[in-house]
Protein backbone atom coordinates (compact mmCIF):
# COMPACT_ATOMS: atom_id res chain seq x y z
CA UNK A 1 22.17 -25.70 12.89
CA UNK A 2 23.46 -22.90 10.55
CA UNK A 3 23.11 -19.52 12.00
CA UNK A 4 20.71 -17.34 9.89
CA UNK A 5 22.46 -14.60 7.94
CA UNK A 6 22.28 -10.88 8.75
CA UNK A 7 19.82 -9.18 6.37
CA UNK A 8 20.38 -5.59 5.17
CA UNK A 9 17.10 -4.00 3.84
CA UNK A 10 17.40 -0.95 1.70
CA UNK A 11 14.21 1.01 0.83
CA UNK A 12 13.89 1.65 -2.81
CA UNK A 13 10.51 3.19 -3.36
CA UNK A 14 10.42 6.43 -5.35
CA UNK A 15 11.35 8.49 -2.21
CA UNK A 16 14.50 6.10 -1.59
CA UNK A 17 15.58 6.21 -5.22
CA UNK A 18 15.25 9.91 -5.27
CA UNK A 19 17.31 10.37 -2.05
CA UNK A 20 20.19 8.27 -3.50
CA UNK A 21 19.25 4.67 -2.51
CA UNK A 22 20.63 3.02 -5.52
CA UNK A 23 24.31 3.89 -4.80
CA UNK A 24 23.68 2.86 -1.10
CA UNK A 25 22.39 -0.47 -2.31
CA UNK A 26 25.42 -1.02 -4.43
CA UNK A 27 27.66 -0.11 -1.47
CA UNK A 28 25.95 -2.65 0.82
CA UNK A 29 26.20 -5.36 -1.83
CA UNK A 30 29.98 -4.67 -2.25
CA UNK A 31 30.64 -4.43 1.46
CA UNK A 32 28.57 -7.50 2.43
CA UNK A 33 29.65 -9.84 -0.47
CA UNK A 34 28.34 -13.42 0.26
CA UNK A 35 28.43 -13.01 3.97
CA UNK A 36 24.99 -11.38 4.24
CA UNK A 37 21.80 -10.76 2.32
CA UNK A 38 20.99 -7.41 0.78
CA UNK A 39 17.29 -7.05 0.31
CA UNK A 40 15.34 -4.44 -1.74
CA UNK A 41 12.11 -3.35 0.08
CA UNK A 42 9.70 -0.54 -0.44
CA UNK A 43 9.36 2.56 1.76
CA UNK A 44 8.28 2.08 5.37
CA UNK A 45 6.77 5.55 5.50
CA UNK A 46 9.66 7.44 6.93
CA UNK A 47 10.26 9.33 3.70
CA UNK A 48 12.03 12.25 5.45
CA UNK A 49 14.89 9.98 6.55
CA UNK A 50 15.63 8.27 3.21
CA UNK A 51 17.77 6.49 2.24
CA UNK A 52 16.87 3.93 4.99
CA UNK A 53 18.69 0.75 5.86
CA UNK A 54 17.27 -1.65 8.35
CA UNK A 55 19.58 -4.35 9.65
CA UNK A 56 17.83 -7.54 10.78
CA UNK A 57 19.99 -9.95 12.77
CA UNK A 58 19.42 -13.48 14.13
CA UNK A 59 16.65 -13.43 16.85
CA UNK A 60 14.57 -10.75 14.90
CA UNK A 61 16.83 -7.97 16.42
CA UNK A 62 16.66 -5.04 13.96
CA UNK A 63 18.35 -1.61 13.76
CA UNK A 64 17.18 1.18 11.48
CA UNK A 65 19.61 3.63 10.02
CA UNK A 66 18.49 6.89 8.31
CA UNK A 67 20.06 9.24 5.69
CA UNK A 68 22.60 6.63 4.86
CA UNK A 69 25.31 7.30 2.38
CA UNK A 70 27.52 4.85 0.39
CA UNK A 71 30.31 5.65 2.89
CA UNK A 72 28.10 5.05 5.91
CA UNK A 73 26.72 1.91 4.37
CA UNK A 74 30.20 0.20 4.42
CA UNK A 75 30.46 1.28 8.11
CA UNK A 76 27.09 -0.39 8.81
CA UNK A 77 28.13 -3.54 7.14
CA UNK A 78 31.30 -3.69 9.03
CA UNK A 79 29.70 -2.99 12.29
CA UNK A 80 27.09 -5.72 12.13
CA UNK A 81 29.36 -8.28 10.62
CA UNK A 82 32.44 -7.56 12.70
CA UNK A 83 30.89 -5.79 15.70
CA UNK A 84 33.89 -6.25 18.08
CA UNK A 85 36.19 -4.36 15.73
CA UNK A 86 34.03 -1.53 14.44
CA UNK A 87 32.08 1.31 16.23
CA UNK A 88 28.51 1.71 15.49
CA UNK A 89 27.93 4.15 12.56
CA UNK A 90 25.79 7.20 12.91
CA UNK A 91 22.24 7.56 12.00
CA UNK A 92 20.71 4.84 14.00
CA UNK A 93 17.02 5.72 14.67
CA UNK A 94 13.59 4.36 15.70
CA UNK A 95 10.41 3.95 13.82
CA UNK A 96 8.32 6.94 13.11
CA UNK A 97 5.56 7.14 15.74
CA UNK A 98 2.12 6.38 14.48
CA UNK A 99 -0.40 3.75 15.27
CA UNK A 100 -1.38 0.24 14.24
CA UNK A 101 -0.13 -0.83 10.78
CA UNK A 102 -2.96 -2.56 8.74
CA UNK A 103 -2.56 -1.00 5.27
CA UNK A 104 1.12 -0.64 5.82
CA UNK A 105 1.99 -3.85 7.64
CA UNK A 106 4.20 -5.07 4.91
CA UNK A 107 5.58 -1.83 3.70
CA UNK A 108 9.39 -1.74 4.20
CA UNK A 109 9.40 -5.40 5.36
CA UNK A 110 9.06 -7.39 2.09
CA UNK A 111 10.55 -7.25 -1.40
CA UNK A 112 7.56 -6.01 -3.52
CA UNK A 113 8.82 -8.03 -6.51
CA UNK A 114 8.98 -11.34 -4.57
CA UNK A 115 5.71 -13.01 -4.23
CA UNK A 116 7.22 -15.62 -1.81
CA UNK A 117 7.98 -12.62 0.66
CA UNK A 118 4.22 -11.78 0.52
CA UNK A 119 3.19 -15.40 0.98
CA UNK A 120 5.35 -15.75 4.02
CA UNK A 121 3.62 -13.00 5.69
CA UNK A 122 0.06 -14.52 5.26
CA UNK A 123 -0.31 -13.25 1.59
CA UNK A 124 -3.26 -14.67 -0.42
CA UNK A 125 -4.61 -16.56 2.78
CA UNK A 126 -7.66 -14.22 2.84
CA UNK A 127 -8.39 -14.83 -0.92
CA UNK A 128 -8.11 -18.68 -0.39
CA UNK A 129 -10.45 -18.41 2.58
CA UNK A 130 -13.08 -16.35 0.82
CA UNK A 131 -13.23 -18.72 -2.15
CA UNK A 132 -14.49 -21.38 0.35
CA UNK A 133 -17.37 -18.91 1.32
CA UNK A 134 -20.42 -17.81 -0.45
CA UNK A 135 -20.08 -14.30 -1.73
CA UNK A 136 -22.71 -12.91 0.52
CA UNK A 137 -20.66 -14.05 3.46
CA UNK A 138 -17.55 -12.18 2.22
CA UNK A 139 -19.73 -9.13 1.74
CA UNK A 140 -21.15 -9.54 5.24
CA UNK A 141 -17.64 -9.55 6.66
CA UNK A 142 -16.71 -6.37 4.86
CA UNK A 143 -20.05 -4.82 5.92
CA UNK A 144 -19.66 -5.76 9.54
CA UNK A 145 -16.00 -4.36 9.62
CA UNK A 146 -17.50 -0.89 8.98
CA UNK A 147 -14.90 -0.35 6.26
CA UNK A 148 -15.66 2.89 4.15
CA UNK A 149 -14.15 3.99 0.98
CA UNK A 150 -10.80 5.64 1.68
CA UNK A 151 -10.78 7.63 -1.52
CA UNK A 152 -12.58 10.61 -0.02
CA UNK A 153 -16.47 9.94 -0.22
CA UNK A 154 -16.42 7.36 2.52
CA UNK A 155 -19.17 5.15 1.10
CA UNK A 156 -19.62 1.94 2.85
CA UNK A 157 -17.69 -0.68 0.90
CA UNK A 158 -19.89 -3.67 1.84
CA UNK A 159 -23.00 -1.78 0.58
CA UNK A 160 -21.26 -1.02 -2.68
CA UNK A 161 -20.30 -4.63 -3.14
CA UNK A 162 -23.86 -5.88 -2.25
CA UNK A 163 -25.50 -3.50 -4.89
CA UNK A 164 -23.12 -4.93 -7.61
CA UNK A 165 -23.59 -8.50 -6.48
CA UNK A 166 -27.37 -8.16 -6.59
CA UNK A 167 -27.23 -7.29 -10.25
CA UNK A 168 -28.51 -10.09 -12.60
CA UNK A 169 -26.10 -9.00 -15.38
CA UNK A 170 -23.62 -11.79 -15.99
CA UNK A 171 -20.72 -9.32 -16.93
CA UNK A 172 -19.39 -7.18 -14.22
CA UNK A 173 -16.09 -5.41 -13.60
CA UNK A 174 -13.83 -4.42 -10.61
CA UNK A 175 -11.54 -1.51 -10.86
CA UNK A 176 -8.77 -0.24 -8.50
CA UNK A 177 -8.51 3.57 -8.50
CA UNK A 178 -4.90 4.37 -8.34
CA UNK A 179 -5.23 7.85 -9.81
CA UNK A 180 -3.98 9.81 -6.93
CA UNK A 181 -3.97 13.43 -7.98
CA UNK A 182 -4.30 15.48 -4.61
CA UNK A 183 -1.34 17.87 -4.10
CA UNK A 184 1.20 16.27 -1.72
CA UNK A 185 -0.64 12.94 -1.52
CA UNK A 186 1.34 9.79 -2.07
CA UNK A 187 -0.56 7.21 -0.05
CA UNK A 188 -1.57 4.99 -3.15
CA UNK A 189 1.80 5.29 -4.69
CA UNK A 190 3.81 4.13 -1.82
CA UNK A 191 1.44 1.05 -1.05
CA UNK A 192 1.43 0.03 -4.76
CA UNK A 193 5.25 0.43 -4.77
CA UNK A 194 5.91 -1.42 -1.64
CA UNK A 195 3.19 -4.08 -1.34
CA UNK A 196 1.46 -4.53 -4.68
CA UNK A 197 0.24 -8.20 -3.91
CA UNK A 198 -1.69 -6.74 -1.04
CA UNK A 199 -3.78 -4.54 -3.30
CA UNK A 200 -4.11 -7.15 -5.92
CA UNK A 201 -5.48 -9.62 -3.44
CA UNK A 202 -8.02 -7.01 -2.22
CA UNK A 203 -9.25 -6.60 -5.81
CA UNK A 204 -9.45 -10.30 -6.41
CA UNK A 205 -11.59 -10.64 -3.23
CA UNK A 206 -13.85 -7.89 -4.55
CA UNK A 207 -14.20 -9.71 -7.85
CA UNK A 208 -15.09 -12.98 -5.96
CA UNK A 209 -17.60 -11.16 -3.92
CA UNK A 210 -19.53 -9.34 -6.80
CA UNK A 211 -19.09 -12.07 -9.43
CA UNK A 212 -16.52 -10.31 -11.76
CA UNK A 213 -14.02 -12.06 -14.05
CA UNK A 214 -12.32 -9.00 -15.42
CA UNK A 215 -10.47 -6.19 -13.50
CA UNK A 216 -8.37 -3.08 -14.05
CA UNK A 217 -5.81 -1.05 -12.09
CA UNK A 218 -6.18 2.37 -13.24
CA UNK A 219 -2.76 4.10 -12.14
CA UNK A 220 -1.49 7.55 -13.19
CA UNK A 221 1.51 7.28 -15.50
CA UNK A 222 3.45 9.63 -13.17
CA UNK A 223 3.85 6.46 -10.92
CA UNK A 224 6.14 4.36 -13.14
CA UNK A 225 7.46 2.29 -10.25
CA UNK A 226 3.96 1.53 -8.98
CA UNK A 227 2.92 0.58 -12.46
CA UNK A 228 5.95 -1.59 -12.98
CA UNK A 229 5.46 -3.40 -9.60
CA UNK A 230 1.77 -3.98 -10.10
CA UNK A 231 2.21 -5.45 -13.57
CA UNK A 232 4.94 -7.77 -12.07
CA UNK A 233 2.56 -8.83 -9.21
CA UNK A 234 -0.27 -9.59 -11.75
CA UNK A 235 2.11 -11.92 -13.67
CA UNK A 236 3.59 -13.72 -10.52
CA UNK A 237 0.00 -14.27 -9.14
CA UNK A 238 -1.26 -15.56 -12.47
CA UNK A 239 1.69 -17.91 -12.78
CA UNK A 240 0.98 -19.36 -9.42
CA UNK A 241 -2.65 -19.96 -10.27
CA UNK A 242 -3.80 -17.57 -7.58
CA UNK A 243 -6.15 -15.58 -9.66
CA UNK A 244 -8.32 -18.38 -11.11
CA UNK A 245 -10.58 -17.26 -13.91
CA UNK A 246 -9.92 -13.57 -13.09
CA UNK A 247 -8.07 -11.47 -15.68
CA UNK A 248 -6.42 -8.37 -14.45
CA UNK A 249 -4.75 -5.47 -16.47
CA UNK A 250 -3.04 -2.28 -15.63
CA UNK A 251 -4.09 1.01 -17.63
CA UNK A 252 -2.09 4.12 -17.14
CA UNK A 253 -4.05 7.49 -16.75
CA UNK A 254 -2.44 10.55 -18.39
CA UNK A 255 -2.56 12.47 -15.06
CA UNK A 256 -5.88 14.39 -15.27
CA UNK A 257 -7.00 15.39 -11.62
CA UNK A 258 -10.63 14.80 -12.53
CA UNK A 259 -10.10 11.17 -13.33
CA UNK A 260 -9.87 10.32 -9.76
CA UNK A 261 -13.64 10.70 -9.75
CA UNK A 262 -15.09 7.34 -10.63
CA UNK A 263 -17.33 8.24 -13.59
CA UNK A 264 -14.48 10.38 -15.13
CA UNK A 265 -12.21 7.39 -14.60
CA UNK A 266 -14.56 5.17 -16.32
CA UNK A 267 -14.77 7.54 -19.40
CA UNK A 268 -10.91 7.57 -19.55
CA UNK A 269 -10.79 3.84 -19.27
CA UNK A 270 -13.10 3.54 -22.24
CA UNK A 271 -10.70 5.75 -24.38
CA UNK A 272 -12.96 8.85 -24.02
CA UNK A 273 -12.06 12.32 -22.41
CA UNK A 274 -12.17 12.03 -18.65
CA UNK A 275 -15.25 13.96 -17.75
CA UNK A 276 -17.68 13.22 -14.75
CA UNK A 277 -21.19 12.15 -15.54
CA UNK A 278 -24.41 12.75 -13.76
CA UNK A 279 -25.57 10.07 -11.52
CA UNK A 280 -27.70 8.11 -11.25
CA UNK A 281 -27.15 5.53 -12.74
CA UNK A 282 -24.33 4.76 -10.51
CA UNK A 283 -21.43 2.56 -11.67
CA UNK A 284 -22.57 -0.27 -9.70
CA UNK A 285 -25.72 -0.28 -11.79
CA UNK A 286 -24.19 0.76 -15.21
CA UNK A 287 -20.52 1.70 -15.30
CA UNK A 288 -17.65 0.53 -17.49
CA UNK A 289 -19.00 -0.51 -20.92
CA UNK A 290 -22.39 -0.13 -19.49
CA UNK A 291 -21.97 -3.01 -17.01
CA UNK A 292 -22.16 -3.18 -13.18
CA UNK A 293 -18.78 -1.95 -11.98
CA UNK A 294 -17.14 -1.70 -8.48
CA UNK A 295 -14.56 0.96 -8.10
CA UNK A 296 -12.40 0.94 -4.93
CA UNK A 297 -9.20 2.94 -4.24
CA UNK A 298 -5.99 1.49 -3.32
CA UNK A 299 -6.16 1.95 0.46
CA UNK A 300 -9.58 0.65 0.58
CA UNK A 301 -8.55 -2.64 -1.20
CA UNK A 302 -5.41 -2.99 0.98
CA UNK A 303 -7.64 -3.17 4.07
CA UNK A 304 -9.67 -6.09 2.69
CA UNK A 305 -7.17 -9.01 3.00
CA UNK A 306 -6.38 -7.91 6.76
CA UNK A 307 -10.15 -7.92 7.59
CA UNK A 308 -10.63 -11.37 6.06
CA UNK A 309 -7.60 -12.76 7.95
CA UNK A 310 -8.27 -11.19 11.35
CA UNK A 311 -12.06 -10.77 11.34
CA UNK A 312 -14.49 -7.95 10.94
CA UNK A 313 -14.64 -7.37 14.68
CA UNK A 314 -10.78 -6.85 14.90
CA UNK A 315 -10.93 -4.10 12.23
CA UNK A 316 -13.97 -2.45 13.81
CA UNK A 317 -12.22 -2.20 17.13
CA UNK A 318 -10.16 0.67 15.67
CA UNK A 319 -11.57 3.98 15.04
CA UNK A 320 -15.01 5.56 15.95
CA UNK A 321 -18.49 4.42 15.98
CA UNK A 322 -19.14 5.77 12.43
CA UNK A 323 -15.64 5.51 10.99
CA UNK A 324 -14.01 2.22 11.67
CA UNK A 325 -10.48 1.03 11.15
CA UNK A 326 -7.32 3.20 10.38
CA UNK A 327 -6.42 6.01 7.99
CA UNK A 328 -3.09 6.44 6.05
CA UNK A 329 -1.95 10.06 5.85
CA UNK A 330 0.67 11.61 3.71
CA UNK A 331 2.71 14.25 5.54
CA UNK A 332 4.14 16.81 3.19
CA UNK A 333 4.97 20.44 3.17
CA UNK A 334 6.49 22.48 5.89
CA UNK A 335 6.63 19.71 8.49
CA UNK A 336 9.46 18.28 10.39
CA UNK A 337 8.92 14.63 9.72
CA UNK A 338 7.45 14.10 6.37
CA UNK A 339 6.35 10.68 5.20
CA UNK A 340 3.40 8.18 5.44
CA UNK A 341 1.75 7.38 8.74
CA UNK A 342 -1.18 5.06 9.62
CA UNK A 343 -3.40 5.96 12.47
CA UNK A 344 -6.79 4.96 13.97
CA UNK A 345 -9.73 6.91 12.71
CA UNK A 346 -10.90 9.71 15.05
CA UNK A 347 -7.44 11.18 15.77
CA UNK A 348 -7.08 15.00 15.45
CA UNK A 349 -5.30 16.76 12.80
CA UNK A 350 -3.27 18.49 15.53
CA UNK A 351 -2.09 15.05 16.81
CA UNK A 352 -1.06 14.06 13.30
CA UNK A 353 0.78 17.19 12.51
CA UNK A 354 2.39 17.99 15.91
CA UNK A 355 2.86 14.71 17.59
CA UNK A 356 3.58 12.32 14.80
CA UNK A 357 4.82 14.87 12.25
CA UNK A 358 7.04 16.75 14.76
CA UNK A 359 5.29 20.04 14.14
CA UNK A 360 6.00 22.86 11.70
CA UNK A 361 9.58 23.63 10.64
CA UNK A 362 11.53 26.31 12.34
CA UNK A 363 9.23 26.22 15.39
CA UNK A 364 6.43 28.03 13.52
CA UNK A 365 2.73 27.80 14.57
CA UNK A 366 0.43 25.24 12.84
CA UNK A 367 -2.07 27.27 11.00
CA UNK A 368 -3.77 25.30 8.09
CA UNK A 369 -3.80 22.15 6.17
């Protein structure tokens, strides 16, 4: 039996590209030739150590190298393909501390532009499963999981879907809110860049649950890689017949912070100035084009396939009584280990900053967030 090849994974999310990941990939490909596979993946959350290279060897053994340069990339390839003759290169490191990975389970593991990579890790199984269920059962699973909106308001996702589903209007819409404008935040960007099919699957499940046949990804134009990967994912999923009658489009926002608020987002999507509107009526009653509309943010939708695959109880086992599951945090600013981490709900800010983020630079005291 042929021995599986060594695989060199290079992270080329926005952070990896900005840190010099493209020349590193070229060096890996040149050094490896046809003796190994060089695979482009998204960021695994350790942005402060980019460019990152993970070497996966037969037997699922893996080694992670940080701050890789084109020169050390050649050393890494030589060491793993001819280990008896070459010393281990510098930069080997472990994973960033954190917790369970639900939203981020595929980030840094798959090629975001390869649908087969996503399918190999259980992708679209949840969508196939929910299509064999009545919409009310899908909504019940999301409700029982305790999933709340991760965009900030924390509204129960199952209740939002139930309200939209109950509408008698035959035309409904689902929208993914990717207009992430908070300073220092990059949770949505990294997930869309690294695992776009995951979010697409979550939106398709939402469409099935509420009875929508049209959906939109509203992504700020400052996220060109996220836009490109999401559009590619839509094309791939449609070509495989995975979307059924659901039609999805990507619309780029102009970067107005206020468009992260759902009524302002709808105004922008309709070609108007993005301004919030008084509620009621709420979007689930009268939203985009005056029709019932469900808007969920990227992180919320990324939780949905996991819940359908593993069960509501498995998700509800994490977090607190009133806030179930996990939360993704972007660590930026004067912190030693910047990047993206996923932790159970209920963790303290001090634990996130000091234990996971490594504390404040230059040993200073943690004062404010």
